[in-house]
């Protein structure tokens, strides 16, 4: 009898969690599992802001996938997904085509520029390991060039961060810690470095606890960050950005623009002709596509709504990992032909936003944290995600310690 074939697309938090849980739950005689990923490594998306600022080496944020997989249970395929043909149950890759009985789409998200002219061409995004490396290399280049050009006392080296959400704020925390070192290394006067955060909402970290937001603003302002809230970026060029506050527009000269204000789903979702919104699929209560009950969609590609809410949960590592574990449980039930599937319920344990290596804010199990206690909790959370996927060996290899 032919064994069912499960194909998992993407080895981010959700996809890797699904794979590692399935290999524990199902035997080699029950199912064939294939994990597809563009790279042969997984990277901690929530650490990319550190690599982008140069406070953490880019190799620290990634680890090899294959040592985590049981070779007799999971086949790893390094390839790029082009399209899903759901009607024929096929996945088209660059170098191959796979057929499946069950499909888990965990492809991750892409930057959302909201149609703002010039962002794709002239701004950097904190998207993956390579973009993080480019950002830090560009920072070094611009600091070096600033010195070589022989600036006058009125010249400023201006860094613009577009977006005051979690990614933007965490990057600012690391960046402001790194700037003194960059200044010393490149003989730049710290007084001539200007850091600006532009956020369209009336406040940074919209929706977060106001008391903790105020603390974050105070900390970052004390490190030299200027906040322009209620301000939209209208255009980005190679020489800077145009901003608008109401009817008033202004130009900010900058050769370093980091865009951290939006994440959409994956363009592969759109190319595959699913019913989708900005590359995301509104899944059913079991995390399945409403069109195809053999396709599960998790992570940045899924839209999951809380009960009686019109807003989806934000796409975080926490929910992606819970989705991965839930899908693994569901697939085990389906393979063993058990009924009464359990719907997905997100257990929100809280959120922590770092403000640099030794500072953070957070709301964990309803308790507010700030300063060093929040920073310690952030590292615990980071290590926990490593432990859930790779156990103690991965924590010792890649974990953060105090």
Protein backbone atom coordinates (compact mmCIF):
# COMPACT_ATOMS: atom_id res chain seq x y z
CA UNK A 1 0.00 0.00 0.00
CA UNK A 2 1.34 3.42 -0.98
CA UNK A 3 2.27 5.62 1.95
CA UNK A 4 0.79 9.13 2.09
CA UNK A 5 3.23 11.88 1.09
CA UNK A 6 3.41 15.07 3.16
CA UNK A 7 5.24 18.00 1.56
CA UNK A 8 6.28 20.97 3.72
CA UNK A 9 7.21 24.18 1.92
CA UNK A 10 9.56 26.39 3.93
CA UNK A 11 11.83 25.77 6.91
CA UNK A 12 11.05 28.87 8.92
CA UNK A 13 9.59 28.68 12.42
CA UNK A 14 6.32 27.07 11.30
CA UNK A 15 7.68 24.69 8.68
CA UNK A 16 10.58 23.43 10.78
CA UNK A 17 8.32 22.99 13.80
CA UNK A 18 5.92 20.92 11.68
CA UNK A 19 8.76 18.74 10.37
CA UNK A 20 10.46 18.09 13.70
CA UNK A 21 7.16 17.29 15.39
CA UNK A 22 6.00 14.95 12.59
CA UNK A 23 9.21 12.91 12.75
CA UNK A 24 8.50 12.27 16.42
CA UNK A 25 4.84 11.40 15.91
CA UNK A 26 4.89 9.16 12.84
CA UNK A 27 6.86 6.06 11.94
CA UNK A 28 8.84 5.44 8.74
CA UNK A 29 6.26 2.88 7.60
CA UNK A 30 3.35 5.32 7.99
CA UNK A 31 4.25 8.27 5.80
CA UNK A 32 6.79 9.89 3.47
CA UNK A 33 7.74 13.47 4.37
CA UNK A 34 9.57 15.99 2.19
CA UNK A 35 10.78 19.36 3.47
CA UNK A 36 11.58 21.97 0.80
CA UNK A 37 13.59 25.09 1.52
CA UNK A 38 15.52 27.56 -0.63
CA UNK A 39 18.56 27.46 1.67
CA UNK A 40 20.13 24.58 3.55
CA UNK A 41 19.84 26.59 6.76
CA UNK A 42 17.12 28.05 8.97
CA UNK A 43 17.55 31.60 10.22
CA UNK A 44 16.06 33.18 13.33
CA UNK A 45 13.98 35.97 11.79
CA UNK A 46 13.60 37.63 15.19
CA UNK A 47 17.38 38.05 15.41
CA UNK A 48 17.91 39.66 12.00
CA UNK A 49 17.80 43.19 13.43
CA UNK A 50 20.94 42.36 15.41
CA UNK A 51 22.82 41.10 12.36
CA UNK A 52 21.65 44.17 10.41
CA UNK A 53 23.13 46.50 13.02
CA UNK A 54 26.28 44.41 13.36
CA UNK A 55 25.79 43.61 17.05
CA UNK A 56 25.49 39.89 16.22
CA UNK A 57 27.43 38.08 13.49
CA UNK A 58 25.19 36.91 10.67
CA UNK A 59 26.34 33.30 11.08
CA UNK A 60 25.00 33.34 14.63
CA UNK A 61 21.42 33.82 13.44
CA UNK A 62 21.34 30.69 11.27
CA UNK A 63 21.88 26.96 11.65
CA UNK A 64 21.92 23.94 9.35
CA UNK A 65 18.60 22.19 8.79
CA UNK A 66 19.64 18.63 7.97
CA UNK A 67 21.20 17.71 11.34
CA UNK A 68 17.76 18.32 12.88
CA UNK A 69 16.00 15.86 10.55
CA UNK A 70 15.65 12.10 10.90
CA UNK A 71 17.04 10.98 7.54
CA UNK A 72 14.88 7.85 7.36
CA UNK A 73 11.73 9.87 7.99
CA UNK A 74 12.24 13.20 6.21
CA UNK A 75 13.76 13.96 2.81
CA UNK A 76 15.23 17.43 2.58
CA UNK A 77 15.10 19.15 -0.82
CA UNK A 78 17.01 22.39 -1.32
CA UNK A 79 15.12 24.15 -4.08
CA UNK A 80 12.98 27.21 -4.80
CA UNK A 81 9.20 26.95 -4.95
CA UNK A 82 7.64 28.47 -8.06
CA UNK A 83 3.97 27.58 -7.80
CA UNK A 84 1.46 25.22 -6.23
CA UNK A 85 -0.99 23.47 -8.55
CA UNK A 86 -3.62 22.53 -6.01
CA UNK A 87 -5.99 20.91 -8.49
CA UNK A 88 -3.36 18.40 -9.62
CA UNK A 89 -1.73 18.19 -6.15
CA UNK A 90 1.67 19.25 -7.49
CA UNK A 91 4.37 21.68 -6.36
CA UNK A 92 6.48 23.17 -9.13
CA UNK A 93 10.10 23.81 -8.06
CA UNK A 94 12.94 25.35 -10.06
CA UNK A 95 14.57 21.96 -10.61
CA UNK A 96 11.82 19.46 -9.89
CA UNK A 97 8.10 18.80 -9.45
CA UNK A 98 6.67 17.13 -6.35
CA UNK A 99 3.31 15.48 -5.86
CA UNK A 100 1.65 15.36 -2.46
CA UNK A 101 -1.25 13.94 -0.48
CA UNK A 102 -1.00 16.66 2.15
CA UNK A 103 0.71 20.02 1.73
CA UNK A 104 1.93 22.44 4.42
CA UNK A 105 2.59 25.94 3.08
CA UNK A 106 4.99 27.76 5.41
CA UNK A 107 6.84 29.96 2.94
CA UNK A 108 7.26 33.07 5.07
CA UNK A 109 6.51 36.68 4.20
CA UNK A 110 7.93 39.46 2.07
CA UNK A 111 8.36 43.21 2.63
CA UNK A 112 5.24 45.27 1.99
CA UNK A 113 6.02 48.73 0.58
CA UNK A 114 2.39 49.82 0.11
CA UNK A 115 3.26 51.16 -3.33
CA UNK A 116 5.56 53.88 -1.99
CA UNK A 117 7.70 55.01 -4.89
CA UNK A 118 11.39 54.17 -4.70
CA UNK A 119 11.40 51.93 -1.61
CA UNK A 120 12.14 48.75 -3.55
CA UNK A 121 14.98 50.43 -5.42
CA UNK A 122 16.66 52.59 -2.79
CA UNK A 123 15.74 51.34 0.70
CA UNK A 124 17.00 48.27 2.57
CA UNK A 125 14.68 45.75 4.23
CA UNK A 126 15.42 43.45 7.16
CA UNK A 127 14.25 40.32 5.38
CA UNK A 128 16.82 37.50 5.56
CA UNK A 129 20.46 36.78 6.34
CA UNK A 130 21.74 38.28 3.11
CA UNK A 131 19.78 41.53 3.42
CA UNK A 132 21.02 41.82 7.02
CA UNK A 133 24.61 41.48 5.79
CA UNK A 134 24.00 44.14 3.11
CA UNK A 135 22.61 46.59 5.66
CA UNK A 136 25.62 46.27 7.95
CA UNK A 137 28.05 46.45 5.02
CA UNK A 138 26.28 49.59 3.79
CA UNK A 139 26.45 51.17 7.26
CA UNK A 140 30.20 50.61 7.34
CA UNK A 141 30.58 51.96 3.81
CA UNK A 142 28.66 55.16 4.53
CA UNK A 143 30.52 55.80 7.79
CA UNK A 144 33.83 55.31 5.99
CA UNK A 145 32.77 57.50 3.06
CA UNK A 146 31.59 60.23 5.42
CA UNK A 147 35.11 60.50 6.83
CA UNK A 148 36.81 60.28 3.44
CA UNK A 149 34.64 63.07 1.99
CA UNK A 150 35.91 65.43 4.67
CA UNK A 151 32.57 66.64 6.07
CA UNK A 152 32.16 70.17 7.37
CA UNK A 153 30.90 70.78 10.86
CA UNK A 154 27.37 71.26 9.46
CA UNK A 155 27.21 67.96 7.58
CA UNK A 156 25.23 65.06 9.07
CA UNK A 157 25.35 61.33 8.51
CA UNK A 158 21.62 60.60 8.58
CA UNK A 159 20.09 57.16 9.08
CA UNK A 160 16.35 56.79 8.49
CA UNK A 161 14.29 53.87 9.79
CA UNK A 162 10.86 53.65 8.21
CA UNK A 163 8.47 52.03 10.66
CA UNK A 164 8.07 52.11 14.42
CA UNK A 165 6.74 48.60 14.86
CA UNK A 166 8.66 45.80 16.57
CA UNK A 167 11.23 45.29 13.81
CA UNK A 168 12.00 48.99 13.48
CA UNK A 169 12.25 49.59 17.23
CA UNK A 170 14.40 46.52 17.86
CA UNK A 171 16.73 47.55 15.03
CA UNK A 172 16.98 51.08 16.49
CA UNK A 173 17.93 49.60 19.86
CA UNK A 174 20.79 47.64 18.33
CA UNK A 175 21.81 50.44 15.96
CA UNK A 176 22.15 53.03 18.74
CA UNK A 177 24.34 50.58 20.65
CA UNK A 178 26.52 50.04 17.58
CA UNK A 179 26.90 53.67 16.46
CA UNK A 180 29.56 54.60 19.07
CA UNK A 181 31.71 51.70 17.83
CA UNK A 182 31.20 52.67 14.18
CA UNK A 183 32.12 56.27 14.99
CA UNK A 184 35.30 55.21 16.76
CA UNK A 185 36.26 52.79 14.00
CA UNK A 186 35.72 55.31 11.18
CA UNK A 187 36.76 58.52 13.01
CA UNK A 188 33.29 60.03 12.81
CA UNK A 189 32.14 62.66 15.28
CA UNK A 190 29.10 61.11 17.08
CA UNK A 191 27.46 64.55 17.15
CA UNK A 192 27.25 64.41 13.35
CA UNK A 193 25.23 61.17 13.28
CA UNK A 194 21.47 61.63 13.07
CA UNK A 195 18.99 58.75 13.52
CA UNK A 196 15.34 59.29 12.56
CA UNK A 197 12.39 56.94 12.94
CA UNK A 198 9.39 57.72 10.73
CA UNK A 199 6.07 56.12 11.75
CA UNK A 200 2.70 56.76 10.10
CA UNK A 201 0.71 55.92 13.25
CA UNK A 202 0.34 58.49 16.06
CA UNK A 203 2.68 56.41 18.23
CA UNK A 204 5.41 53.84 17.86
CA UNK A 205 4.51 50.21 18.65
CA UNK A 206 0.81 50.86 17.93
CA UNK A 207 -1.49 48.73 20.06
CA UNK A 208 1.17 48.02 22.69
CA UNK A 209 0.90 49.07 26.34
CA UNK A 210 1.24 52.91 26.48
CA UNK A 211 3.36 52.87 29.64
CA UNK A 212 5.89 50.53 28.06
CA UNK A 213 5.83 52.51 24.80
CA UNK A 214 6.70 55.67 26.74
CA UNK A 215 9.63 53.86 28.35
CA UNK A 216 10.88 52.71 24.94
CA UNK A 217 10.64 56.25 23.54
CA UNK A 218 12.59 57.68 26.49
CA UNK A 219 15.32 55.04 26.19
CA UNK A 220 15.80 55.51 22.45
CA UNK A 221 15.57 59.30 22.61
CA UNK A 222 18.30 59.28 25.25
CA UNK A 223 20.45 57.46 22.67
CA UNK A 224 19.78 60.13 20.05
CA UNK A 225 16.79 58.79 18.11
CA UNK A 226 14.38 61.37 16.68
CA UNK A 227 10.79 60.19 16.29
CA UNK A 228 8.49 61.54 13.62
CA UNK A 229 5.13 59.90 14.38
CA UNK A 230 1.94 60.57 12.47
CA UNK A 231 4.25 60.99 9.49
CA UNK A 232 4.17 59.10 6.21
CA UNK A 233 6.99 58.38 3.78
CA UNK A 234 5.80 59.53 0.37
CA UNK A 235 8.85 58.74 -1.73
CA UNK A 236 12.37 57.35 -1.47
CA UNK A 237 15.25 58.26 -3.77
CA UNK A 238 18.96 57.52 -3.74
CA UNK A 239 19.44 60.84 -1.94
CA UNK A 240 16.80 60.53 0.79
CA UNK A 241 13.07 60.43 1.56
CA UNK A 242 10.11 62.76 1.22
CA UNK A 243 7.83 62.74 4.26
CA UNK A 244 4.38 64.20 4.81
CA UNK A 245 2.62 65.25 7.99
CA UNK A 246 -0.85 66.33 7.00
CA UNK A 247 -0.49 68.70 4.06
CA UNK A 248 3.13 69.59 4.84
CA UNK A 249 5.92 67.79 3.03
CA UNK A 250 9.64 67.80 3.71
CA UNK A 251 12.75 66.12 2.30
CA UNK A 252 15.27 64.34 4.54
CA UNK A 253 18.65 63.73 2.88
CA UNK A 254 19.91 60.22 3.64
CA UNK A 255 21.97 57.50 2.00
CA UNK A 256 20.87 54.95 4.63
CA UNK A 257 17.15 54.17 4.59
CA UNK A 258 15.93 51.02 6.32
CA UNK A 259 12.32 50.02 5.61
CA UNK A 260 10.76 48.06 8.47
CA UNK A 261 7.10 49.03 8.25
CA UNK A 262 5.29 46.23 6.54
CA UNK A 263 5.12 42.49 5.92
CA UNK A 264 2.84 40.82 3.40
CA UNK A 265 2.36 37.15 2.65
CA UNK A 266 4.23 35.35 -0.10
CA UNK A 267 3.98 36.13 -3.81
CA UNK A 268 3.97 32.37 -4.47
CA UNK A 269 0.49 32.30 -2.91
CA UNK A 270 -0.71 34.81 -5.49
CA UNK A 271 1.06 32.95 -8.32
CA UNK A 272 -0.71 29.76 -7.27
CA UNK A 273 -4.16 31.30 -7.73
CA UNK A 274 -5.43 30.69 -4.23
CA UNK A 275 -8.09 32.99 -2.84
CA UNK A 276 -5.76 35.34 -1.02
CA UNK A 277 -5.25 38.83 0.37
CA UNK A 278 -1.76 40.31 -0.12
CA UNK A 279 -0.23 36.86 -0.38
CA UNK A 280 -2.12 35.52 2.66
CA UNK A 281 -4.87 32.91 2.90
CA UNK A 282 -7.69 33.18 5.42
CA UNK A 283 -7.54 29.67 6.83
CA UNK A 284 -10.31 27.66 8.46
CA UNK A 285 -10.35 26.64 12.11
CA UNK A 286 -7.94 23.78 11.40
CA UNK A 287 -5.43 26.00 9.52
CA UNK A 288 -6.51 24.63 6.14
CA UNK A 289 -7.15 26.44 2.92
CA UNK A 290 -10.93 26.92 2.62
CA UNK A 291 -10.66 25.71 -0.98
CA UNK A 292 -8.59 22.56 -0.38
CA UNK A 293 -8.79 20.53 2.82
CA UNK A 294 -5.49 18.77 2.01
CA UNK A 295 -3.53 22.06 2.17
CA UNK A 296 -2.49 23.65 5.47
CA UNK A 297 -1.21 27.23 5.55
CA UNK A 298 0.78 28.59 8.49
CA UNK A 299 3.06 31.46 9.46
CA UNK A 300 3.19 34.69 7.45
CA UNK A 301 1.09 33.15 4.66
CA UNK A 302 -1.94 32.56 6.91
CA UNK A 303 -4.64 34.86 8.24
CA UNK A 304 -5.91 33.64 11.62
CA UNK A 305 -8.61 35.59 13.43
CA UNK A 306 -9.34 35.54 17.12
CA UNK A 307 -12.91 34.71 18.09
CA UNK A 308 -15.25 37.69 17.61
CA UNK A 309 -12.39 39.80 16.20
CA UNK A 310 -12.14 41.55 12.86
CA UNK A 311 -8.34 41.76 13.06
CA UNK A 312 -6.01 38.81 12.41
CA UNK A 313 -3.28 37.87 14.81
CA UNK A 314 0.05 39.51 13.94
CA UNK A 315 2.46 37.12 12.18
CA UNK A 316 4.94 36.31 14.96
CA UNK A 317 7.35 33.46 15.55
CA UNK A 318 5.26 32.44 18.55
CA UNK A 319 2.07 31.83 16.57
CA UNK A 320 3.96 30.20 13.67
CA UNK A 321 5.51 27.63 16.01
CA UNK A 322 2.17 26.89 17.66
CA UNK A 323 0.63 26.48 14.22
CA UNK A 324 3.41 24.09 13.21
CA UNK A 325 2.83 21.92 16.25
CA UNK A 326 -0.94 21.95 15.72
CA UNK A 327 -0.63 20.95 12.05
CA UNK A 328 1.69 18.09 13.00
CA UNK A 329 -0.93 16.83 15.48
CA UNK A 330 -3.69 17.14 12.88
CA UNK A 331 -1.68 15.32 10.22
CA UNK A 332 -0.98 12.50 12.66
CA UNK A 333 -4.72 12.14 13.19
CA UNK A 334 -5.44 12.21 9.46
CA UNK A 335 -2.75 9.66 8.61
CA UNK A 336 -4.10 7.33 11.29
CA UNK A 337 -7.67 8.00 10.11
CA UNK A 338 -8.85 9.39 13.42
CA UNK A 339 -11.85 11.67 13.54
CA UNK A 340 -12.76 14.67 15.71
CA UNK A 341 -9.97 17.04 14.67
CA UNK A 342 -9.16 19.78 17.15
CA UNK A 343 -9.41 23.40 15.96
CA UNK A 344 -6.44 25.71 16.40
CA UNK A 345 -6.47 28.06 19.39
CA UNK A 346 -3.61 30.54 19.78
CA UNK A 347 -2.16 30.66 23.29
CA UNK A 348 -0.63 34.13 23.48
CA UNK A 349 2.06 33.96 26.12
CA UNK A 350 3.06 37.59 25.64
CA UNK A 351 5.43 39.77 23.69
CA UNK A 352 8.87 41.24 24.38
CA UNK A 353 10.53 43.99 22.33
CA UNK A 354 14.27 44.47 22.78
CA UNK A 355 15.83 47.93 23.00
CA UNK A 356 19.40 46.74 22.70
CA UNK A 357 21.46 44.03 24.36
CA UNK A 358 20.57 44.91 27.97
CA UNK A 359 17.21 46.66 27.69
CA UNK A 360 13.70 45.71 26.59
CA UNK A 361 9.99 46.06 27.25
CA UNK A 362 7.47 43.27 27.46
CA UNK A 363 4.07 42.00 28.45
CA UNK A 364 4.39 38.37 29.53
CA UNK A 365 1.44 36.45 30.98
CA UNK A 366 -0.19 39.84 31.62
CA UNK A 367 2.78 41.18 33.59
CA UNK A 368 4.63 44.30 32.44
CA UNK A 369 8.41 44.09 32.21
CA UNK A 370 11.00 46.70 31.32
CA UNK A 371 14.73 47.20 31.53
CA UNK A 372 17.02 44.30 32.43
CA UNK A 373 14.25 41.87 33.56
CA UNK A 374 12.59 42.25 30.16
CA UNK A 375 15.95 41.80 28.42
CA UNK A 376 16.56 38.55 30.33
CA UNK A 377 13.07 37.36 29.39
CA UNK A 378 13.80 38.13 25.72
CA UNK A 379 16.86 35.87 25.81
CA UNK A 380 14.84 33.14 27.54
CA UNK A 381 12.25 33.34 24.77
CA UNK A 382 14.96 33.19 22.09
CA UNK A 383 16.51 30.13 23.71
CA UNK A 384 13.11 28.49 24.12
CA UNK A 385 12.46 28.61 20.38
CA UNK A 386 15.82 26.89 19.80
CA UNK A 387 14.99 24.26 22.40
CA UNK A 388 11.56 23.50 20.92
CA UNK A 389 13.09 22.76 17.51
CA UNK A 390 16.52 21.34 18.27
CA UNK A 391 16.61 20.56 21.99
CA UNK A 392 19.44 21.31 24.39
CA UNK A 393 22.25 20.71 21.83
CA UNK A 394 20.95 23.54 19.63
CA UNK A 395 20.58 25.86 22.63
CA UNK A 396 24.21 25.27 23.60
CA UNK A 397 25.32 25.80 20.02
CA UNK A 398 23.31 28.92 19.15
CA UNK A 399 21.72 30.15 22.36
CA UNK A 400 22.01 33.53 24.04
CA UNK A 401 23.46 33.60 27.52
CA UNK A 402 23.67 36.37 30.07
